Amino acid sequence: MRVKVVWTSRDWVDAVAALPVQEPLPCRIVLVRRERVAHSLRRDLIRNGLGSVLAGTRFVPFSVAAGEVLRNSGAKFEPGEEALRSARLSALFRSQVQLLHFSRDLLRSKPGWE
């Protein structure tokens, strides 16, 4: 497997444009961290004169790809659970549960602990 390290947005634009496609219809799948990264890539492709690459290119966030892998494997999960993580941690830190490795008072006294 060939791995290419992308350092700049221009490198990423070039890497997307260089993805192999099979005719008659191009089909490229680009994994992105967030939808706003996909939007930025689309914008940069157009700005660099590579707008035609967008036809047949699908930008898929990691979370969506991970959900599809879980669905295909038959695993049961609830989409959106990751959005509840910070609320669950906040409730845990406010509860009387004793943490093994960190003092709750230490965590609460630091800015941004929530």
PDB file of N, CA and C in Angstrom:
ATOM      1  N   MET A   1       0.838  -1.170   0.000  1.00  0.00           N
ATOM      2  CA  MET A   1       0.000   0.000   0.000  1.00  0.00           C
ATOM      3  C   MET A   1       0.889   1.242   0.000  1.00  0.00           C
ATOM      4  N   ARG A   2       0.579   2.167  -0.874  1.00  0.00           N
ATOM      5  CA  ARG A   2       1.335   3.401  -0.974  1.00  0.00           C
ATOM      6  C   ARG A   2       0.734   4.442  -0.037  1.00  0.00           C
ATOM      7  N   VAL A   3       1.581   5.098   0.738  1.00  0.00           N
ATOM      8  CA  VAL A   3       1.129   6.123   1.674  1.00  0.00           C
ATOM      9  C   VAL A   3       1.763   7.449   1.284  1.00  0.00           C
ATOM     10  N   LYS A   4       0.942   8.484   1.229  1.00  0.00           N
ATOM     11  CA  LYS A   4       1.453   9.820   0.910  1.00  0.00           C
ATOM     12  C   LYS A   4       1.146  10.739   2.074  1.00  0.00           C
ATOM     13  N   VAL A   5       2.167  11.423   2.559  1.00  0.00           N
ATOM     14  CA  VAL A   5       1.992  12.382   3.646  1.00  0.00           C
ATOM     15  C   VAL A   5       1.607  13.723   3.030  1.00  0.00           C
ATOM     16  N   VAL A   6       0.540  14.306   3.557  1.00  0.00           N
ATOM     17  CA  VAL A   6       0.035  15.575   3.049  1.00  0.00           C
ATOM     18  C   VAL A   6       0.374  16.663   4.059  1.00  0.00           C
ATOM     19  N   TRP A   7       1.142  17.656   3.622  1.00  0.00           N
ATOM     20  CA  TRP A   7       1.579  18.711   4.535  1.00  0.00           C
ATOM     21  C   TRP A   7       0.783  19.995   4.370  1.00  0.00           C
ATOM     22  N   THR A   8       0.323  20.278   3.175  1.00  0.00           N
ATOM     23  CA  THR A   8      -0.392  21.531   2.928  1.00  0.00           C
ATOM     24  C   THR A   8      -1.722  21.230   2.255  1.00  0.00           C
ATOM     25  N   SER A   9      -2.578  22.247   2.229  1.00  0.00           N
ATOM     26  CA  SER A   9      -3.865  22.053   1.550  1.00  0.00           C
ATOM     27  C   SER A   9      -3.642  21.827   0.058  1.00  0.00           C
ATOM     28  N   ARG A  10      -2.614  22.446  -0.513  1.00  0.00           N
ATOM     29  CA  ARG A  10      -2.313  22.227  -1.932  1.00  0.00           C
ATOM     30  C   ARG A  10      -1.909  20.772  -2.174  1.00  0.00           C
ATOM     31  N   ASP A  11      -1.121  20.198  -1.259  1.00  0.00           N
ATOM     32  CA  ASP A  11      -0.754  18.783  -1.378  1.00  0.00           C
ATOM     33  C   ASP A  11      -2.005  17.915  -1.357  1.00  0.00           C
ATOM     34  N   TRP A  12      -2.965  18.283  -0.492  1.00  0.00           N
ATOM     35  CA  TRP A  12      -4.186  17.501  -0.370  1.00  0.00           C
ATOM     36  C   TRP A  12      -5.024  17.622  -1.648  1.00  0.00           C
ATOM     37  N   VAL A  13      -5.091  18.819  -2.187  1.00  0.00           N
ATOM     38  CA  VAL A  13      -5.810  19.035  -3.445  1.00  0.00           C
ATOM     39  C   VAL A  13      -5.186  18.184  -4.548  1.00  0.00           C
ATOM     40  N   ASP A  14      -3.870  18.202  -4.628  1.00  0.00           N
ATOM     41  CA  ASP A  14      -3.177  17.400  -5.647  1.00  0.00           C
ATOM     42  C   ASP A  14      -3.411  15.911  -5.434  1.00  0.00           C
ATOM     43  N   ALA A  15      -3.427  15.478  -4.166  1.00  0.00           N
ATOM     44  CA  ALA A  15      -3.650  14.059  -3.872  1.00  0.00           C
ATOM     45  C   ALA A  15      -5.064  13.640  -4.276  1.00  0.00           C
ATOM     46  N   VAL A  16      -6.052  14.484  -4.018  1.00  0.00           N
ATOM     47  CA  VAL A  16      -7.433  14.160  -4.416  1.00  0.00           C
ATOM     48  C   VAL A  16      -7.532  14.103  -5.932  1.00  0.00           C
ATOM     49  N   ALA A  17      -6.928  15.070  -6.606  1.00  0.00           N
ATOM     50  CA  ALA A  17      -6.972  15.099  -8.071  1.00  0.00           C
ATOM     51  C   ALA A  17      -6.261  13.902  -8.681  1.00  0.00           C
ATOM     52  N   ALA A  18      -5.259  13.357  -7.991  1.00  0.00           N
ATOM     53  CA  ALA A  18      -4.480  12.233  -8.520  1.00  0.00           C
ATOM     54  C   ALA A  18      -5.104  10.873  -8.217  1.00  0.00           C
ATOM     55  N   LEU A  19      -6.200  10.847  -7.464  1.00  0.00           N
ATOM     56  CA  LEU A  19      -6.820   9.551  -7.162  1.00  0.00           C
ATOM     57  C   LEU A  19      -7.225   8.858  -8.455  1.00  0.00           C
ATOM     58  N   PRO A  20      -6.946   7.570  -8.545  1.00  0.00           N
ATOM     59  CA  PRO A  20      -7.292   6.852  -9.776  1.00  0.00           C
ATOM     60  C   PRO A  20      -8.809   6.696  -9.910  1.00  0.00           C
ATOM     61  N   VAL A  21      -9.291   6.789 -11.129  1.00  0.00           N
ATOM     62  CA  VAL A  21     -10.718   6.605 -11.404  1.00  0.00           C
ATOM     63  C   VAL A  21     -10.860   5.642 -12.565  1.00  0.00           C
ATOM     64  N   GLN A  22     -12.001   4.979 -12.605  1.00  0.00           N
ATOM     65  CA  GLN A  22     -12.304   4.092 -13.729  1.00  0.00           C
ATOM     66  C   GLN A  22     -13.421   4.729 -14.527  1.00  0.00           C
ATOM     67  N   GLU A  23     -13.266   4.734 -15.806  1.00  0.00           N
ATOM     68  CA  GLU A  23     -14.279   5.301 -16.686  1.00  0.00           C
ATOM     69  C   GLU A  23     -15.432   4.310 -16.814  1.00  0.00           C
ATOM     70  N   PRO A  24     -16.596   4.663 -17.194  1.00  0.00           N
ATOM     71  CA  PRO A  24     -16.970   5.945 -17.767  1.00  0.00           C
ATOM     72  C   PRO A  24     -17.297   7.001 -16.703  1.00  0.00           C
ATOM     73  N   LEU A  25     -17.670   6.592 -15.493  1.00  0.00           N
ATOM     74  CA  LEU A  25     -17.993   7.564 -14.450  1.00  0.00           C
ATOM     75  C   LEU A  25     -16.917   7.551 -13.376  1.00  0.00           C
ATOM     76  N   PRO A  26     -16.365   8.706 -13.055  1.00  0.00           N
ATOM     77  CA  PRO A  26     -15.356   8.746 -11.990  1.00  0.00           C
ATOM     78  C   PRO A  26     -15.991   8.488 -10.628  1.00  0.00           C
ATOM     79  N   CYS A  27     -15.270   7.824  -9.770  1.00  0.00           N
ATOM     80  CA  CYS A  27     -15.751   7.564  -8.414  1.00  0.00           C
ATOM     81  C   CYS A  27     -14.558   7.624  -7.470  1.00  0.00           C
ATOM     82  N   ARG A  28     -14.521   8.675  -6.660  1.00  0.00           N
ATOM     83  CA  ARG A  28     -13.451   8.833  -5.676  1.00  0.00           C
ATOM     84  C   ARG A  28     -14.097   8.979  -4.307  1.00  0.00           C
ATOM     85  N   ILE A  29     -13.506   8.364  -3.306  1.00  0.00           N
ATOM     86  CA  ILE A  29     -13.979   8.543  -1.935  1.00  0.00           C
ATOM     87  C   ILE A  29     -12.812   9.108  -1.132  1.00  0.00           C
ATOM     88  N   VAL A  30     -13.062  10.248  -0.493  1.00  0.00           N
ATOM     89  CA  VAL A  30     -12.037  10.930   0.291  1.00  0.00           C
ATOM     90  C   VAL A  30     -12.518  10.984   1.732  1.00  0.00           C
ATOM     91  N   LEU A  31     -11.757  10.387   2.643  1.00  0.00           N
ATOM     92  CA  LEU A  31     -12.099  10.440   4.065  1.00  0.00           C
ATOM     93  C   LEU A  31     -11.608  11.757   4.656  1.00  0.00           C
ATOM     94  N   VAL A  32     -12.504  12.428   5.371  1.00  0.00           N
ATOM     95  CA  VAL A  32     -12.163  13.711   5.991  1.00  0.00           C
ATOM     96  C   VAL A  32     -12.557  13.678   7.455  1.00  0.00           C
ATOM     97  N   ARG A  33     -11.911  14.509   8.247  1.00  0.00           N
ATOM     98  CA  ARG A  33     -12.189  14.545   9.682  1.00  0.00           C
ATOM     99  C   ARG A  33     -13.570  15.119   9.979  1.00  0.00           C
ATOM    100  N   ARG A  34     -13.918  16.191   9.298  1.00  0.00           N
ATOM    101  CA  ARG A  34     -15.200  16.864   9.513  1.00  0.00           C
ATOM    102  C   ARG A  34     -15.742  17.363   8.183  1.00  0.00           C
ATOM    103  N   GLU A  35     -17.012  17.694   8.179  1.00  0.00           N
ATOM    104  CA  GLU A  35     -17.640  18.220   6.968  1.00  0.00           C
ATOM    105  C   GLU A  35     -17.012  19.546   6.548  1.00  0.00           C
ATOM    106  N   ARG A  36     -16.579  20.357   7.512  1.00  0.00           N
ATOM    107  CA  ARG A  36     -15.975  21.635   7.137  1.00  0.00           C
ATOM    108  C   ARG A  36     -14.634  21.439   6.434  1.00  0.00           C
ATOM    109  N   VAL A  37     -13.951  20.328   6.718  1.00  0.00           N
ATOM    110  CA  VAL A  37     -12.719  20.018   5.986  1.00  0.00           C
ATOM    111  C   VAL A  37     -13.060  19.675   4.540  1.00  0.00           C
ATOM    112  N   ALA A  38     -14.148  18.939   4.356  1.00  0.00           N
ATOM    113  CA  ALA A  38     -14.601  18.605   2.999  1.00  0.00           C
ATOM    114  C   ALA A  38     -14.939  19.880   2.232  1.00  0.00           C
ATOM    115  N   HIS A  39     -15.628  20.800   2.898  1.00  0.00           N
ATOM    116  CA  HIS A  39     -15.983  22.059   2.251  1.00  0.00           C
ATOM    117  C   HIS A  39     -14.725  22.828   1.844  1.00  0.00           C
ATOM    118  N   SER A  40     -13.744  22.868   2.728  1.00  0.00           N
ATOM    119  CA  SER A  40     -12.491  23.551   2.434  1.00  0.00           C
ATOM    120  C   SER A  40     -11.782  22.913   1.243  1.00  0.00           C
ATOM    121  N   LEU A  41     -11.788  21.587   1.205  1.00  0.00           N
ATOM    122  CA  LEU A  41     -11.166  20.883   0.067  1.00  0.00           C
ATOM    123  C   LEU A  41     -11.887  21.185  -1.232  1.00  0.00           C
ATOM    124  N   ARG A  42     -13.210  21.186  -1.191  1.00  0.00           N
ATOM    125  CA  ARG A  42     -13.979  21.520  -2.405  1.00  0.00           C
ATOM    126  C   ARG A  42     -13.605  22.918  -2.894  1.00  0.00           C
ATOM    127  N   ARG A  43     -13.571  23.863  -1.964  1.00  0.00           N
ATOM    128  CA  ARG A  43     -13.241  25.247  -2.297  1.00  0.00           C
ATOM    129  C   ARG A  43     -11.832  25.330  -2.895  1.00  0.00           C
ATOM    130  N   ASP A  44     -10.864  24.631  -2.291  1.00  0.00           N
ATOM    131  CA  ASP A  44      -9.491  24.667  -2.787  1.00  0.00           C
ATOM    132  C   ASP A  44      -9.353  23.996  -4.154  1.00  0.00           C
ATOM    133  N   LEU A  45     -10.113  22.949  -4.384  1.00  0.00           N
ATOM    134  CA  LEU A  45     -10.093  22.317  -5.708  1.00  0.00           C
ATOM    135  C   LEU A  45     -10.564  23.310  -6.772  1.00  0.00           C
ATOM    136  N   ILE A  46     -11.638  24.023  -6.469  1.00  0.00           N
ATOM    137  CA  ILE A  46     -12.162  25.000  -7.427  1.00  0.00           C
ATOM    138  C   ILE A  46     -11.170  26.144  -7.621  1.00  0.00           C
ATOM    139  N   ARG A  47     -10.603  26.655  -6.535  1.00  0.00           N
ATOM    140  CA  ARG A  47      -9.648  27.766  -6.619  1.00  0.00           C
ATOM    141  C   ARG A  47      -8.399  27.398  -7.413  1.00  0.00           C
ATOM    142  N   ASN A  48      -8.034  26.123  -7.397  1.00  0.00           N
ATOM    143  CA  ASN A  48      -6.834  25.673  -8.108  1.00  0.00           C
ATOM    144  C   ASN A  48      -7.139  25.159  -9.513  1.00  0.00           C
ATOM    145  N   GLY A  49      -8.337  25.458  -9.991  1.00  0.00           N
ATOM    146  CA  GLY A  49      -8.688  25.076 -11.358  1.00  0.00           C
ATOM    147  C   GLY A  49      -8.975  23.603 -11.533  1.00  0.00           C
ATOM    148  N   LEU A  50      -9.285  22.897 -10.444  1.00  0.00           N
ATOM    149  CA  LEU A  50      -9.542  21.459 -10.521  1.00  0.00           C
ATOM    150  C   LEU A  50     -10.997  21.132 -10.155  1.00  0.00           C
ATOM    151  N   GLY A  51     -11.892  22.062 -10.437  1.00  0.00           N
ATOM    152  CA  GLY A  51     -13.303  21.866 -10.116  1.00  0.00           C
ATOM    153  C   GLY A  51     -13.900  20.632 -10.766  1.00  0.00           C
ATOM    154  N   SER A  52     -13.367  20.238 -11.907  1.00  0.00           N
ATOM    155  CA  SER A  52     -13.899  19.055 -12.601  1.00  0.00           C
ATOM    156  C   SER A  52     -13.678  17.776 -11.794  1.00  0.00           C
ATOM    157  N   VAL A  53     -12.716  17.798 -10.884  1.00  0.00           N
ATOM    158  CA  VAL A  53     -12.428  16.633 -10.038  1.00  0.00           C
ATOM    159  C   VAL A  53     -13.595  16.361  -9.085  1.00  0.00           C
ATOM    160  N   LEU A  54     -14.379  17.388  -8.790  1.00  0.00           N
ATOM    161  CA  LEU A  54     -15.492  17.228  -7.845  1.00  0.00           C
ATOM    162  C   LEU A  54     -16.560  16.266  -8.367  1.00  0.00           C
ATOM    163  N   ALA A  55     -16.706  16.188  -9.681  1.00  0.00           N
ATOM    164  CA  ALA A  55     -17.690  15.266 -10.254  1.00  0.00           C
ATOM    165  C   ALA A  55     -17.262  13.839  -9.934  1.00  0.00           C
ATOM    166  N   GLY A  56     -18.088  13.128  -9.200  1.00  0.00           N
ATOM    167  CA  GLY A  56     -17.785  11.747  -8.848  1.00  0.00           C
ATOM    168  C   GLY A  56     -16.947  11.602  -7.585  1.00  0.00           C
ATOM    169  N   THR A  57     -16.665  12.709  -6.893  1.00  0.00           N
ATOM    170  CA  THR A  57     -15.882  12.646  -5.651  1.00  0.00           C
ATOM    171  C   THR A  57     -16.814  12.768  -4.471  1.00  0.00           C
ATOM    172  N   ARG A  58     -16.727  11.823  -3.567  1.00  0.00           N
ATOM    173  CA  ARG A  58     -17.557  11.823  -2.362  1.00  0.00           C
ATOM    174  C   ARG A  58     -16.656  12.021  -1.153  1.00  0.00           C
ATOM    175  N   PHE A  59     -16.953  13.034  -0.359  1.00  0.00           N
ATOM    176  CA  PHE A  59     -16.208  13.309   0.860  1.00  0.00           C
ATOM    177  C   PHE A  59     -16.978  12.698   2.021  1.00  0.00           C
ATOM    178  N   VAL A  60     -16.334  11.785   2.738  1.00  0.00           N
ATOM    179  CA  VAL A  60     -16.999  11.047   3.807  1.00  0.00           C
ATOM    180  C   VAL A  60     -16.298  11.322   5.134  1.00  0.00           C
ATOM    181  N   PRO A  61     -17.035  11.868   6.115  1.00  0.00           N
ATOM    182  CA  PRO A  61     -16.432  12.068   7.438  1.00  0.00           C
ATOM    183  C   PRO A  61     -16.097  10.729   8.094  1.00  0.00           C
ATOM    184  N   PHE A  62     -15.046  10.727   8.920  1.00  0.00           N
ATOM    185  CA  PHE A  62     -14.622   9.503   9.601  1.00  0.00           C
ATOM    186  C   PHE A  62     -15.765   8.857  10.366  1.00  0.00           C
ATOM    187  N   SER A  63     -16.568   9.684  11.045  1.00  0.00           N
ATOM    188  CA  SER A  63     -17.657   9.132  11.863  1.00  0.00           C
ATOM    189  C   SER A  63     -18.666   8.376  11.012  1.00  0.00           C
ATOM    190  N   VAL A  64     -18.943   8.863   9.821  1.00  0.00           N
ATOM    191  CA  VAL A  64     -19.880   8.183   8.928  1.00  0.00           C
ATOM    192  C   VAL A  64     -19.277   6.865   8.444  1.00  0.00           C
ATOM    193  N   ALA A  65     -17.999   6.899   8.073  1.00  0.00           N
ATOM    194  CA  ALA A  65     -17.324   5.679   7.627  1.00  0.00           C
ATOM    195  C   ALA A  65     -17.287   4.645   8.748  1.00  0.00           C
ATOM    196  N   ALA A  66     -17.005   5.089   9.979  1.00  0.00           N
ATOM    197  CA  ALA A  66     -16.967   4.171  11.118  1.00  0.00           C
ATOM    198  C   ALA A  66     -18.343   3.559  11.360  1.00  0.00           C
ATOM    199  N   GLY A  67     -19.392   4.371  11.251  1.00  0.00           N
ATOM    200  CA  GLY A  67     -20.754   3.863  11.409  1.00  0.00           C
ATOM    201  C   GLY A  67     -21.099   2.815  10.368  1.00  0.00           C
ATOM    202  N   GLU A  68     -20.676   3.030   9.142  1.00  0.00           N
ATOM    203  CA  GLU A  68     -20.930   2.047   8.082  1.00  0.00           C
ATOM    204  C   GLU A  68     -20.193   0.740   8.342  1.00  0.00           C
ATOM    205  N   VAL A  69     -18.965   0.843   8.839  1.00  0.00           N
ATOM    206  CA  VAL A  69     -18.205  -0.371   9.173  1.00  0.00           C
ATOM    207  C   VAL A  69     -18.933  -1.142  10.268  1.00  0.00           C
ATOM    208  N   LEU A  70     -19.409  -0.436  11.301  1.00  0.00           N
ATOM    209  CA  LEU A  70     -20.144  -1.100  12.387  1.00  0.00           C
ATOM    210  C   LEU A  70     -21.436  -1.733  11.878  1.00  0.00           C
ATOM    211  N   ARG A  71     -22.177  -1.006  11.042  1.00  0.00           N
ATOM    212  CA  ARG A  71     -23.426  -1.560  10.486  1.00  0.00           C
ATOM    213  C   ARG A  71     -23.155  -2.820   9.666  1.00  0.00           C
ATOM    214  N   ASN A  72     -22.115  -2.745   8.831  1.00  0.00           N
ATOM    215  CA  ASN A  72     -21.797  -3.895   7.979  1.00  0.00           C
ATOM    216  C   ASN A  72     -21.323  -5.103   8.779  1.00  0.00           C
ATOM    217  N   SER A  73     -20.761  -4.860   9.962  1.00  0.00           N
ATOM    218  CA  SER A  73     -20.291  -5.971  10.790  1.00  0.00           C
ATOM    219  C   SER A  73     -21.417  -6.532  11.666  1.00  0.00           C
ATOM    220  N   GLY A  74     -22.560  -5.849  11.659  1.00  0.00           N
ATOM    221  CA  GLY A  74     -23.689  -6.315  12.454  1.00  0.00           C
ATOM    222  C   GLY A  74     -23.688  -5.798  13.884  1.00  0.00           C
ATOM    223  N   ALA A  75     -22.762  -4.917  14.214  1.00  0.00           N
ATOM    224  CA  ALA A  75     -22.701  -4.364  15.575  1.00  0.00           C
ATOM    225  C   ALA A  75     -23.856  -3.398  15.796  1.00  0.00           C
ATOM    226  N   LYS A  76     -24.403  -3.415  17.004  1.00  0.00           N
ATOM    227  CA  LYS A  76     -25.483  -2.504  17.348  1.00  0.00           C
ATOM    228  C   LYS A  76     -24.902  -1.300  18.062  1.00  0.00           C
ATOM    229  N   PHE A  77     -25.301  -0.127  17.630  1.00  0.00           N
ATOM    230  CA  PHE A  77     -24.840   1.110  18.246  1.00  0.00           C
ATOM    231  C   PHE A  77     -25.855   2.196  17.959  1.00  0.00           C
ATOM    232  N   GLU A  78     -25.772   3.243  18.732  1.00  0.00           N
ATOM    233  CA  GLU A  78     -26.654   4.393  18.557  1.00  0.00           C
ATOM    234  C   GLU A  78     -25.848   5.549  17.974  1.00  0.00           C
ATOM    235  N   PRO A  79     -26.191   6.004  16.774  1.00  0.00           N
ATOM    236  CA  PRO A  79     -25.476   7.164  16.241  1.00  0.00           C
ATOM    237  C   PRO A  79     -25.704   8.377  17.131  1.00  0.00           C
ATOM    238  N   GLY A  80     -24.689   9.207  17.273  1.00  0.00           N
ATOM    239  CA  GLY A  80     -24.798  10.412  18.082  1.00  0.00           C
ATOM    240  C   GLY A  80     -24.338  10.231  19.514  1.00  0.00           C
ATOM    241  N   GLU A  81     -23.970   8.998  19.902  1.00  0.00           N
ATOM    242  CA  GLU A  81     -23.514   8.772  21.276  1.00  0.00           C
ATOM    243  C   GLU A  81     -22.287   9.612  21.619  1.00  0.00           C
ATOM    244  N   GLU A  82     -21.415   9.829  20.621  1.00  0.00           N
ATOM    245  CA  GLU A  82     -20.198  10.585  20.888  1.00  0.00           C
ATOM    246  C   GLU A  82     -20.501  12.028  21.303  1.00  0.00           C
ATOM    247  N   ALA A  83     -21.651  12.550  20.880  1.00  0.00           N
ATOM    248  CA  ALA A  83     -22.022  13.920  21.258  1.00  0.00           C
ATOM    249  C   ALA A  83     -22.355  14.019  22.749  1.00  0.00           C
ATOM    250  N   LEU A  84     -22.675  12.903  23.368  1.00  0.00           N
ATOM    251  CA  LEU A  84     -23.032  12.899  24.784  1.00  0.00           C
ATOM    252  C   LEU A  84     -21.825  12.730  25.701  1.00  0.00           C
ATOM    253  N   ARG A  85     -20.661  12.453  25.136  1.00  0.00           N
ATOM    254  CA  ARG A  85     -19.482  12.140  25.942  1.00  0.00           C
ATOM    255  C   ARG A  85     -19.153  13.243  26.933  1.00  0.00           C
ATOM    256  N   SER A  86     -19.126  14.509  26.496  1.00  0.00           N
ATOM    257  CA  SER A  86     -18.745  15.587  27.412  1.00  0.00           C
ATOM    258  C   SER A  86     -19.763  15.744  28.531  1.00  0.00           C
ATOM    259  N   ALA A  87     -21.053  15.566  28.230  1.00  0.00           N
ATOM    260  CA  ALA A  87     -22.075  15.657  29.284  1.00  0.00           C
ATOM    261  C   ALA A  87     -21.926  14.512  30.278  1.00  0.00           C
ATOM    262  N   ARG A  88     -21.600  13.321  29.795  1.00  0.00           N
ATOM    263  CA  ARG A  88     -21.407  12.181  30.693  1.00  0.00           C
ATOM    264  C   ARG A  88     -20.200  12.387  31.592  1.00  0.00           C
ATOM    265  N   LEU A  89     -19.106  12.899  31.022  1.00  0.00           N
ATOM    266  CA  LEU A  89     -17.918  13.163  31.828  1.00  0.00           C
ATOM    267  C   LEU A  89     -18.189  14.240  32.866  1.00  0.00           C
ATOM    268  N   SER A  90     -18.902  15.282  32.460  1.00  0.00           N
ATOM    269  CA  SER A  90     -19.232  16.349  33.401  1.00  0.00           C
ATOM    270  C   SER A  90     -20.054  15.806  34.566  1.00  0.00           C
ATOM    271  N   ALA A  91     -21.047  14.966  34.277  1.00  0.00           N
ATOM    272  CA  ALA A  91     -21.869  14.361  35.332  1.00  0.00           C
ATOM    273  C   ALA A  91     -21.025  13.454  36.214  1.00  0.00           C
ATOM    274  N   LEU A  92     -20.107  12.726  35.630  1.00  0.00           N
ATOM    275  CA  LEU A  92     -19.231  11.840  36.400  1.00  0.00           C
ATOM    276  C   LEU A  92     -18.358  12.632  37.361  1.00  0.00           C
ATOM    277  N   PHE A  93     -17.782  13.744  36.882  1.00  0.00           N
ATOM    278  CA  PHE A  93     -16.924  14.554  37.744  1.00  0.00           C
ATOM    279  C   PHE A  93     -17.699  15.214  38.874  1.00  0.00           C
ATOM    280  N   ARG A  94     -18.988  15.452  38.671  1.00  0.00           N
ATOM    281  CA  ARG A  94     -19.810  16.062  39.726  1.00  0.00           C
ATOM    282  C   ARG A  94     -20.333  15.023  40.715  1.00  0.00           C
ATOM    283  N   SER A  95     -20.293  13.766  40.333  1.00  0.00           N
ATOM    284  CA  SER A  95     -20.801  12.703  41.205  1.00  0.00           C
ATOM    285  C   SER A  95     -19.800  12.404  42.312  1.00  0.00           C
ATOM    286  N   GLN A  96     -20.134  11.466  43.161  1.00  0.00           N
ATOM    287  CA  GLN A  96     -19.255  11.112  44.285  1.00  0.00           C
ATOM    288  C   GLN A  96     -18.329   9.940  43.963  1.00  0.00           C
ATOM    289  N   VAL A  97     -18.273   9.527  42.712  1.00  0.00           N
ATOM    290  CA  VAL A  97     -17.406   8.420  42.340  1.00  0.00           C
ATOM    291  C   VAL A  97     -15.943   8.822  42.554  1.00  0.00           C
ATOM    292  N   GLN A  98     -15.160   7.889  43.050  1.00  0.00           N
ATOM    293  CA  GLN A  98     -13.743   8.147  43.287  1.00  0.00           C
ATOM    294  C   GLN A  98     -12.935   7.732  42.064  1.00  0.00           C
ATOM    295  N   LEU A  99     -12.139   8.638  41.555  1.00  0.00           N
ATOM    296  CA  LEU A  99     -11.289   8.340  40.409  1.00  0.00           C
ATOM    297  C   LEU A  99      -9.991   7.721  40.905  1.00  0.00           C
ATOM    298  N   LEU A 100      -9.467   6.766  40.175  1.00  0.00           N
ATOM    299  CA  LEU A 100      -8.271   6.055  40.616  1.00  0.00           C
ATOM    300  C   LEU A 100      -6.985   6.843  40.395  1.00  0.00           C
ATOM    301  N   HIS A 101      -6.896   7.553  39.283  1.00  0.00           N
ATOM    302  CA  HIS A 101      -5.620   8.149  38.907  1.00  0.00           C
ATOM    303  C   HIS A 101      -5.556   9.658  39.079  1.00  0.00           C
ATOM    304  N   PHE A 102      -6.693  10.326  39.193  1.00  0.00           N
ATOM    305  CA  PHE A 102      -6.705  11.777  39.300  1.00  0.00           C
ATOM    306  C   PHE A 102      -7.620  12.195  40.436  1.00  0.00           C
ATOM    307  N   SER A 103      -7.257  13.254  41.080  1.00  0.00           N
ATOM    308  CA  SER A 103      -8.088  13.837  42.120  1.00  0.00           C
ATOM    309  C   SER A 103      -9.178  14.670  41.454  1.00  0.00           C
ATOM    310  N   ARG A 104     -10.425  14.473  41.873  1.00  0.00           N
ATOM    311  CA  ARG A 104     -11.519  15.272  41.311  1.00  0.00           C
ATOM    312  C   ARG A 104     -11.307  16.743  41.626  1.00  0.00           C
ATOM    313  N   ASP A 105     -10.804  17.046  42.826  1.00  0.00           N
ATOM    314  CA  ASP A 105     -10.557  18.442  43.191  1.00  0.00           C
ATOM    315  C   ASP A 105      -9.516  19.076  42.260  1.00  0.00           C
ATOM    316  N   LEU A 106      -8.497  18.302  41.912  1.00  0.00           N
ATOM    317  CA  LEU A 106      -7.491  18.802  40.981  1.00  0.00           C
ATOM    318  C   LEU A 106      -8.122  19.092  39.630  1.00  0.00           C
ATOM    319  N   LEU A 107      -8.938  18.156  39.145  1.00  0.00           N
ATOM    320  CA  LEU A 107      -9.587  18.354  37.847  1.00  0.00           C
ATOM    321  C   LEU A 107     -10.524  19.556  37.879  1.00  0.00           C
ATOM    322  N   ARG A 108     -11.294  19.701  38.947  1.00  0.00           N
ATOM    323  CA  ARG A 108     -12.258  20.794  39.040  1.00  0.00           C
ATOM    324  C   ARG A 108     -11.582  22.151  39.174  1.00  0.00           C
ATOM    325  N   SER A 109     -10.387  22.188  39.761  1.00  0.00           N
ATOM    326  CA  SER A 109      -9.709  23.456  39.996  1.00  0.00           C
ATOM    327  C   SER A 109      -9.007  23.993  38.744  1.00  0.00           C
ATOM    328  N   LYS A 110      -8.883  23.176  37.701  1.00  0.00           N
ATOM    329  CA  LYS A 110      -8.187  23.616  36.497  1.00  0.00           C
ATOM    330  C   LYS A 110      -9.180  24.241  35.521  1.00  0.00           C
ATOM    331  N   PRO A 111      -8.757  25.317  34.848  1.00  0.00           N
ATOM    332  CA  PRO A 111      -9.667  25.958  33.878  1.00  0.00           C
ATOM    333  C   PRO A 111     -10.012  24.993  32.746  1.00  0.00           C
ATOM    334  N   GLY A 112     -11.282  24.998  32.381  1.00  0.00           N
ATOM    335  CA  GLY A 112     -11.732  24.199  31.249  1.00  0.00           C
ATOM    336  C   GLY A 112     -11.921  22.736  31.522  1.00  0.00           C
ATOM    337  N   TRP A 113     -11.993  22.328  32.778  1.00  0.00           N
ATOM    338  CA  TRP A 113     -12.123  20.888  33.075  1.00  0.00           C
ATOM    339  C   TRP A 113     -13.406  20.315  32.502  1.00  0.00           C
ATOM    340  N   GLU A 114     -14.438  21.146  32.385  1.00  0.00           N
ATOM    341  CA  GLU A 114     -15.688  20.626  31.819  1.00  0.00           C
ATOM    342  C   GLU A 114     -15.563  20.514  30.316  1.00  0.00           C
TER     343      GLU A 114
END
